[in-house]
Protein backbone atom coordinates (compact mmCIF):
# COMPACT_ATOMS: atom_id res chain seq x y z
CA MET A 1 58.48 20.39 3.52
CA LYS A 2 59.19 17.79 6.14
CA TYR A 3 55.52 17.67 7.14
CA LEU A 4 54.41 17.52 3.50
CA LYS A 5 56.56 14.47 2.94
CA ILE A 6 54.65 12.75 5.76
CA ILE A 7 51.14 14.06 5.00
CA ILE A 8 51.14 13.35 1.26
CA PRO A 9 51.83 9.57 1.56
CA ILE A 10 49.29 9.32 4.43
CA SER A 11 46.74 11.15 2.32
CA ILE A 12 47.38 8.90 -0.64
CA LEU A 13 47.07 5.80 1.54
CA SER A 14 43.87 7.17 3.08
CA LEU A 15 42.46 7.86 -0.36
CA ILE A 16 43.34 4.36 -1.50
CA PHE A 17 41.69 2.94 1.62
CA ILE A 18 38.54 5.03 1.09
CA ILE A 19 38.28 4.01 -2.57
CA ASP A 20 38.85 0.37 -1.71
CA TYR A 21 36.28 0.55 1.10
CA TYR A 22 33.75 2.21 -1.20
CA ASN A 23 34.35 -0.35 -3.94
CA LYS A 24 33.84 -3.23 -1.53
CA TYR A 25 30.88 -1.93 0.42
CA TYR A 26 29.01 0.71 -1.57
CA LYS A 27 29.86 0.53 -5.27
CA PRO A 28 26.87 -0.93 -7.17
CA ASN A 29 27.45 -4.66 -7.56
CA THR A 30 24.24 -5.94 -9.12
CA SER A 31 24.08 -7.33 -12.65
CA PHE A 32 20.36 -7.42 -13.50
CA GLU A 33 18.20 -4.95 -15.39
CA ALA A 34 14.91 -5.27 -13.50
CA GLU A 35 14.10 -2.83 -10.70
CA SER A 36 14.53 -5.68 -8.24
CA ILE A 37 14.80 -9.48 -8.05
CA PHE A 38 13.96 -12.07 -5.43
CA LEU A 39 16.65 -14.41 -4.19
CA TYR A 40 15.47 -17.67 -2.61
CA VAL A 41 17.82 -18.86 0.11
CA MET A 42 17.51 -22.47 1.22
CA LYS A 43 18.61 -23.82 4.57
CA ASP A 44 22.27 -24.83 4.92
CA ASP A 45 22.87 -25.03 1.16
CA SER A 46 26.02 -23.03 0.42
CA ILE A 47 26.41 -24.42 -3.11
CA ALA A 48 22.87 -23.49 -4.12
CA PHE A 49 23.32 -20.06 -2.54
CA ARG A 50 26.57 -19.42 -4.44
CA ASP A 51 24.94 -20.53 -7.71
CA SER A 52 21.97 -18.24 -7.08
CA ILE A 53 23.81 -15.11 -5.96
CA SER A 54 26.35 -15.38 -8.80
CA LYS A 55 23.59 -14.77 -11.35
CA TYR A 56 22.79 -11.36 -9.92
CA ILE A 57 26.12 -9.78 -8.89
CA LYS A 58 29.16 -8.55 -10.82
CA SER A 59 31.89 -9.36 -8.31
CA GLU A 60 31.56 -12.49 -6.18
CA LYS A 61 34.95 -11.78 -4.63
CA THR A 62 34.00 -8.44 -3.08
CA PHE A 63 30.54 -9.71 -2.09
CA TYR A 64 31.93 -12.65 -0.13
CA LYS A 65 34.52 -10.47 1.59
CA VAL A 66 31.81 -8.09 2.79
CA ALA A 67 29.43 -10.94 3.66
CA GLU A 68 32.14 -12.48 5.84
CA LYS A 69 32.96 -9.17 7.53
CA LEU A 70 29.29 -8.59 8.31
CA GLU A 71 29.02 -12.13 9.74
CA TYR A 72 26.36 -13.20 7.26
CA LEU A 73 27.77 -16.37 5.74
CA GLY A 74 27.61 -18.35 8.96
CA ASN A 75 24.16 -17.03 9.81
CA LYS A 76 22.20 -17.31 6.58
CA LYS A 77 18.43 -17.49 6.94
CA THR A 78 16.01 -19.23 4.61
CA GLY A 79 13.59 -16.97 2.85
CA ARG A 80 12.65 -14.96 -0.21
CA PHE A 81 14.70 -11.80 -0.18
CA LYS A 82 14.15 -8.73 -2.31
CA ILE A 83 17.29 -7.15 -3.77
CA LYS A 84 17.10 -3.81 -5.56
CA ARG A 85 19.10 -2.90 -8.63
CA ASP A 86 22.31 -0.81 -8.42
CA ILE A 87 23.08 -1.35 -4.74
CA GLY A 88 26.39 -2.21 -3.13
CA ASN A 89 27.50 -5.26 -1.19
CA ASN A 90 26.65 -3.68 2.16
CA GLU A 91 23.02 -3.18 1.15
CA ILE A 92 22.86 -6.56 -0.60
CA VAL A 93 23.91 -8.30 2.62
CA ASN A 94 21.47 -6.23 4.69
CA SER A 95 18.70 -7.16 2.23
CA LEU A 96 19.56 -10.82 2.75
CA LYS A 97 19.46 -10.32 6.49
CA PHE A 98 16.34 -8.23 6.92
CA ASN A 99 14.29 -8.13 3.71
CA ASN A 100 12.46 -11.45 3.83
CA THR A 101 9.42 -10.82 1.62
CA PRO A 102 6.11 -12.76 1.70
CA VAL A 103 4.76 -14.65 -1.31
CA ASN A 104 1.13 -14.58 -2.40
CA VAL A 105 -0.04 -18.14 -1.78
CA THR A 106 -3.27 -19.04 -3.60
CA PHE A 107 -5.31 -22.23 -3.75
CA ASN A 108 -8.82 -23.30 -4.70
CA ASN A 109 -10.79 -26.27 -6.03
CA GLN A 110 -8.54 -28.85 -4.38
CA GLU A 111 -10.33 -32.19 -4.20
CA ARG A 112 -8.33 -33.72 -1.37
CA VAL A 113 -5.91 -32.61 1.29
CA GLU A 114 -3.16 -34.41 -0.68
CA ASP A 115 -3.87 -32.12 -3.64
CA LEU A 116 -3.76 -29.08 -1.39
CA ALA A 117 -0.36 -30.09 0.00
CA GLY A 118 0.98 -30.40 -3.53
CA ARG A 119 -0.45 -27.04 -4.56
CA VAL A 120 0.96 -25.19 -1.55
CA SER A 121 4.38 -26.87 -1.79
CA SER A 122 4.82 -25.37 -5.26
CA GLN A 123 4.58 -21.90 -3.68
CA ILE A 124 6.57 -22.15 -0.43
CA TYR A 125 9.75 -23.84 0.77
CA GLU A 126 8.16 -26.85 2.50
CA ASP A 127 7.54 -30.02 0.48
CA SER A 128 4.17 -31.75 0.10
CA ILE A 129 5.07 -34.63 2.43
CA SER A 130 5.90 -32.26 5.28
CA LEU A 131 2.72 -30.23 4.68
CA LEU A 132 0.53 -33.32 4.52
CA SER A 133 2.05 -34.62 7.74
CA ALA A 134 1.22 -31.31 9.46
CA PHE A 135 -2.34 -31.32 8.11
CA ARG A 136 -2.91 -34.85 9.40
CA ASN A 137 -1.12 -34.47 12.71
CA GLN A 138 -3.29 -36.32 15.21
CA ASP A 139 -2.64 -33.95 18.11
CA PHE A 140 -3.65 -31.00 15.94
CA LEU A 141 -6.78 -32.78 14.70
CA LYS A 142 -7.85 -33.86 18.18
CA LYS A 143 -7.25 -30.42 19.68
CA ASN A 144 -9.47 -28.78 17.06
CA ASN A 145 -12.20 -31.46 16.85
CA LEU A 146 -11.18 -32.43 13.34
CA ASN A 147 -10.31 -35.65 11.54
CA GLU A 148 -8.59 -36.67 8.32
CA LYS A 149 -11.93 -36.67 6.47
CA ASN A 150 -12.90 -33.08 7.25
CA VAL A 151 -9.60 -31.24 7.83
CA LEU A 152 -9.78 -29.87 4.27
CA SER A 153 -12.67 -27.73 5.57
CA ILE A 154 -10.38 -25.33 7.43
CA PHE A 155 -8.65 -24.16 4.24
CA ILE A 156 -10.71 -21.30 2.85
CA PRO A 157 -9.77 -20.65 -0.82
CA ASN A 158 -8.17 -17.23 -1.14
CA SER A 159 -4.85 -15.47 -1.58
CA TYR A 160 -2.66 -15.17 1.50
CA ASN A 161 0.60 -13.35 2.18
CA ILE A 162 2.86 -16.06 3.58
CA TYR A 163 6.60 -16.04 4.15
CA TRP A 164 8.23 -18.46 1.71
CA ASN A 165 10.16 -20.14 4.54
CA THR A 166 7.08 -20.63 6.74
CA SER A 167 7.11 -24.06 8.36
CA SER A 168 4.40 -26.61 7.57
CA GLU A 169 2.99 -26.32 11.08
CA ASN A 170 2.93 -22.52 10.99
CA PHE A 171 1.21 -22.55 7.60
CA ARG A 172 -1.43 -24.96 8.90
CA ASP A 173 -1.98 -22.88 12.04
CA ARG A 174 -2.26 -19.69 9.97
CA MET A 175 -4.96 -21.32 7.85
CA LEU A 176 -6.86 -22.36 10.97
CA SER A 177 -6.68 -18.76 12.17
CA GLU A 178 -8.01 -17.54 8.80
CA TYR A 179 -10.81 -20.13 9.01
CA ASN A 180 -11.82 -18.86 12.43
CA LYS A 181 -11.81 -15.28 11.15
CA PHE A 182 -13.95 -16.31 8.18
CA TRP A 183 -16.57 -17.64 10.55
CA ASN A 184 -17.59 -14.23 11.87
CA LYS A 185 -20.67 -13.65 14.01
CA GLU A 186 -23.02 -13.28 11.04
CA ARG A 187 -21.93 -16.47 9.31
CA SER A 188 -21.87 -18.42 12.58
CA GLU A 189 -25.43 -17.34 13.41
CA LYS A 190 -26.68 -18.34 9.96
CA ALA A 191 -25.11 -21.79 10.32
CA GLU A 192 -26.79 -22.17 13.71
CA GLN A 193 -30.16 -21.15 12.23
CA LEU A 194 -29.68 -23.82 9.56
CA GLY A 195 -29.10 -26.41 12.25
CA LEU A 196 -25.69 -27.25 10.78
CA THR A 197 -22.20 -27.09 12.22
CA LYS A 198 -19.56 -25.06 10.40
CA LEU A 199 -17.96 -28.26 9.14
CA GLU A 200 -21.33 -29.50 7.85
CA VAL A 201 -21.87 -26.20 6.03
CA ILE A 202 -18.51 -26.69 4.29
CA SER A 203 -19.43 -30.27 3.30
CA LEU A 204 -22.77 -29.16 1.87
CA ALA A 205 -21.11 -26.23 0.10
CA SER A 206 -18.67 -28.63 -1.58
CA ILE A 207 -21.65 -30.49 -3.08
CA VAL A 208 -23.30 -27.24 -4.15
CA GLN A 209 -20.06 -26.09 -5.78
CA LEU A 210 -19.78 -29.22 -7.94
CA GLU A 211 -23.49 -29.35 -8.74
CA SER A 212 -23.49 -25.86 -10.20
CA ARG A 213 -20.64 -23.85 -11.65
CA LYS A 214 -23.06 -20.93 -11.96
CA VAL A 215 -22.65 -18.71 -8.89
CA ASP A 216 -26.11 -17.15 -9.34
CA GLU A 217 -27.76 -20.60 -9.23
CA ARG A 218 -25.99 -21.90 -6.15
CA PRO A 219 -28.41 -20.48 -3.54
CA ARG A 220 -31.26 -22.32 -5.33
CA VAL A 221 -29.27 -25.57 -5.39
CA ALA A 222 -28.39 -25.09 -1.72
CA GLY A 223 -32.09 -24.55 -0.92
CA LEU A 224 -32.96 -27.84 -2.59
CA TYR A 225 -30.50 -29.77 -0.42
CA VAL A 226 -31.63 -27.94 2.71
CA ASN A 227 -35.19 -29.07 1.89
CA ARG A 228 -34.02 -32.66 1.50
CA LEU A 229 -32.12 -32.61 4.78
CA ARG A 230 -35.14 -31.23 6.60
CA ASP A 231 -37.43 -33.83 5.04
CA ASN A 232 -34.99 -36.59 6.06
CA MET A 233 -34.45 -37.52 2.42
CA ARG A 234 -31.21 -38.77 0.95
CA LEU A 235 -29.35 -36.00 -0.84
CA GLN A 236 -28.78 -38.19 -3.92
CA ALA A 237 -26.12 -35.82 -5.21
CA ASP A 238 -24.25 -37.07 -8.27
CA PRO A 239 -20.97 -35.30 -7.33
CA THR A 240 -20.78 -37.47 -4.20
CA VAL A 241 -21.12 -40.57 -6.39
CA ILE A 242 -18.33 -39.33 -8.65
CA TYR A 243 -16.14 -38.83 -5.58
CA THR A 244 -17.11 -42.36 -4.43
CA ILE A 245 -16.06 -43.83 -7.79
CA LYS A 246 -12.69 -42.09 -7.63
CA GLU A 247 -12.17 -43.22 -4.04
CA TYR A 248 -13.30 -46.79 -4.80
CA TYR A 249 -10.84 -47.18 -7.68
CA ASN A 250 -8.23 -44.95 -6.02
CA ASN A 251 -8.00 -42.82 -9.15
CA PHE A 252 -8.69 -39.14 -8.60
CA ASP A 253 -7.34 -38.20 -12.02
CA THR A 254 -10.15 -39.89 -13.92
CA ILE A 255 -12.81 -37.72 -15.59
CA ILE A 256 -16.40 -38.91 -15.14
CA ARG A 257 -19.07 -37.11 -17.12
CA ARG A 258 -21.95 -39.51 -16.53
CA VAL A 259 -23.07 -41.41 -13.44
CA LEU A 260 -24.46 -44.89 -14.18
CA TYR A 261 -27.08 -46.78 -12.17
CA ARG A 262 -24.48 -49.32 -11.06
CA ASP A 263 -22.42 -46.50 -9.54
CA LEU A 264 -25.28 -45.60 -7.22
CA LYS A 265 -24.87 -48.97 -5.46
CA LEU A 266 -21.25 -48.46 -4.39
CA ASP A 267 -20.86 -48.67 -0.62
CA SER A 268 -19.24 -45.54 0.74
CA LYS A 269 -19.85 -42.95 3.42
CA TYR A 270 -19.63 -40.42 0.60
CA ASN A 271 -22.34 -41.97 -1.58
CA THR A 272 -25.44 -39.91 -0.74
CA TYR A 273 -27.61 -42.34 -2.71
CA LYS A 274 -26.78 -44.90 -0.01
CA ILE A 275 -26.46 -42.78 3.13
CA LYS A 276 -28.72 -40.21 4.72
CA GLY A 277 -27.35 -36.84 5.63
CA LEU A 278 -24.02 -35.35 4.68
CA PRO A 279 -20.77 -37.14 3.80
CA PRO A 280 -18.03 -37.21 6.47
CA GLY A 281 -16.17 -34.32 4.86
CA PRO A 282 -16.07 -32.08 1.81
CA ILE A 283 -15.77 -33.70 -1.63
CA THR A 284 -13.86 -30.68 -2.88
CA MET A 285 -12.68 -27.36 -1.51
CA PRO A 286 -15.72 -25.07 -1.84
CA ASP A 287 -15.08 -21.45 -2.65
CA ILE A 288 -16.55 -18.61 -0.61
CA SER A 289 -19.49 -18.11 -3.00
CA ALA A 290 -20.57 -21.74 -2.45
CA ILE A 291 -20.28 -21.45 1.34
CA ASP A 292 -22.26 -18.23 1.36
CA ALA A 293 -24.83 -19.80 -0.99
CA VAL A 294 -25.55 -22.40 1.69
CA LEU A 295 -25.74 -19.80 4.45
CA ASN A 296 -28.02 -17.63 2.30
CA TYR A 297 -29.93 -20.44 0.58
CA GLU A 298 -33.02 -19.70 -1.49
CA ARG A 299 -36.34 -20.54 0.16
CA HIS A 300 -38.47 -22.68 -2.19
CA LYS A 301 -40.14 -26.12 -2.38
CA TYR A 302 -37.85 -27.82 -4.88
CA LEU A 303 -36.64 -31.33 -4.07
CA PHE A 304 -35.33 -32.51 -7.45
CA MET A 305 -33.11 -31.16 -10.19
CA VAL A 306 -31.43 -32.25 -13.38
CA ALA A 307 -29.11 -30.52 -15.85
CA ASN A 308 -30.90 -28.20 -18.28
CA PRO A 309 -30.04 -29.25 -21.86
CA SER A 310 -31.20 -25.93 -23.32
CA ASN A 311 -29.31 -23.72 -20.86
CA ARG A 312 -25.87 -25.19 -20.35
CA GLY A 313 -24.55 -25.03 -16.79
CA TYR A 314 -27.99 -24.50 -15.26
CA HIS A 315 -30.61 -26.95 -13.99
CA LEU A 316 -34.28 -27.76 -14.24
CA PHE A 317 -35.97 -27.91 -10.83
CA ALA A 318 -39.08 -29.74 -9.65
CA SER A 319 -40.96 -29.99 -6.39
CA ASP A 320 -42.40 -33.48 -7.05
CA LEU A 321 -41.27 -36.72 -8.66
CA ALA A 322 -43.61 -36.45 -11.65
CA GLY A 323 -42.13 -33.11 -12.64
CA HIS A 324 -38.61 -34.42 -12.08
CA ASN A 325 -39.22 -37.46 -14.30
CA ARG A 326 -40.30 -35.21 -17.15
CA ASN A 327 -37.16 -33.12 -16.77
CA LYS A 328 -35.04 -36.23 -16.46
CA LYS A 329 -36.33 -37.73 -19.73
CA ALA A 330 -35.39 -34.58 -21.60
CA TYR A 331 -31.91 -34.69 -20.08
CA ILE A 332 -31.36 -38.39 -20.87
CA ARG A 333 -32.41 -37.85 -24.49
CA TRP A 334 -29.91 -35.01 -24.74
CA ILE A 335 -26.99 -36.86 -23.14
CA ASN A 336 -27.62 -39.98 -25.28
CA SER A 337 -27.71 -37.83 -28.42
CA ARG A 338 -24.21 -36.61 -27.58
CA GLY A 339 -22.83 -40.13 -27.10
CA ILE A 340 -21.80 -39.57 -23.47
CA TYR A 341 -21.73 -42.98 -21.83
CA ARG A 342 -19.18 -42.37 -19.07
């Protein structure tokens, strides 16, 4: 009896301790219905963290006790952390320590590096100013034989798994690595056979992309510009004039549906009616189909083209000026009939 009097209270205390320990560490403490959620943790922002975590847990009190015991609160990391439903505080804290999950960062059709910075900043932690600063960093540009006009070339449109808390510099370096991987042996050899650098291929592809939205027509359009380059002719590409207008008036939000004769006279290194050869950098971010269209351009004798009024999105091609003028008259009649003056 004497021993029972000692054992029973100890057992009860032990049971209370075990229950309390279980409730704190292992009892499910999530309050969402989805299979899992993602919690975004920002650097050194305890208020934002408390506001975020409170939405997804039942007991803040037990969570913070466990988080303190496991030395998490003073060592929070930024990131996007996956938390499963119906787990206890111990697993929640471990998820916040070790379960940083990448986001799928996508971008395409960005006209300028400023636009790209804005697009990427909406998907990762870094803001657009920090990203733009990294993209234009002079040491980075010099080291990689780039400049502010052509740095957009290294960003190949695609979807990339990137950690949400990736720094601006690490994001930029990752994109350079992806660019170098994109330029495999086959693509590099085709660029060399064309007599163009990789950066020049990207610039030409940006023109091809804007000239034709039809992927199946792009190799033909690319072939036309290759012919013009080889014949030492000006490219006379309307998309470069549109870019020139936007740059001249510093308004990249404007929509221009018709290029006027006065626009062709604007002085700019991008205006291919005024300069020979390619502009100093891409006029948009070409997608992979446009780049490959240049590398696999169609062999033909065409030197001129104009939009085809009877087959929207496609073009009429000609190998001489007389044929082009006939096509051009048909196009001008069509565009005037639709009242498009700008």
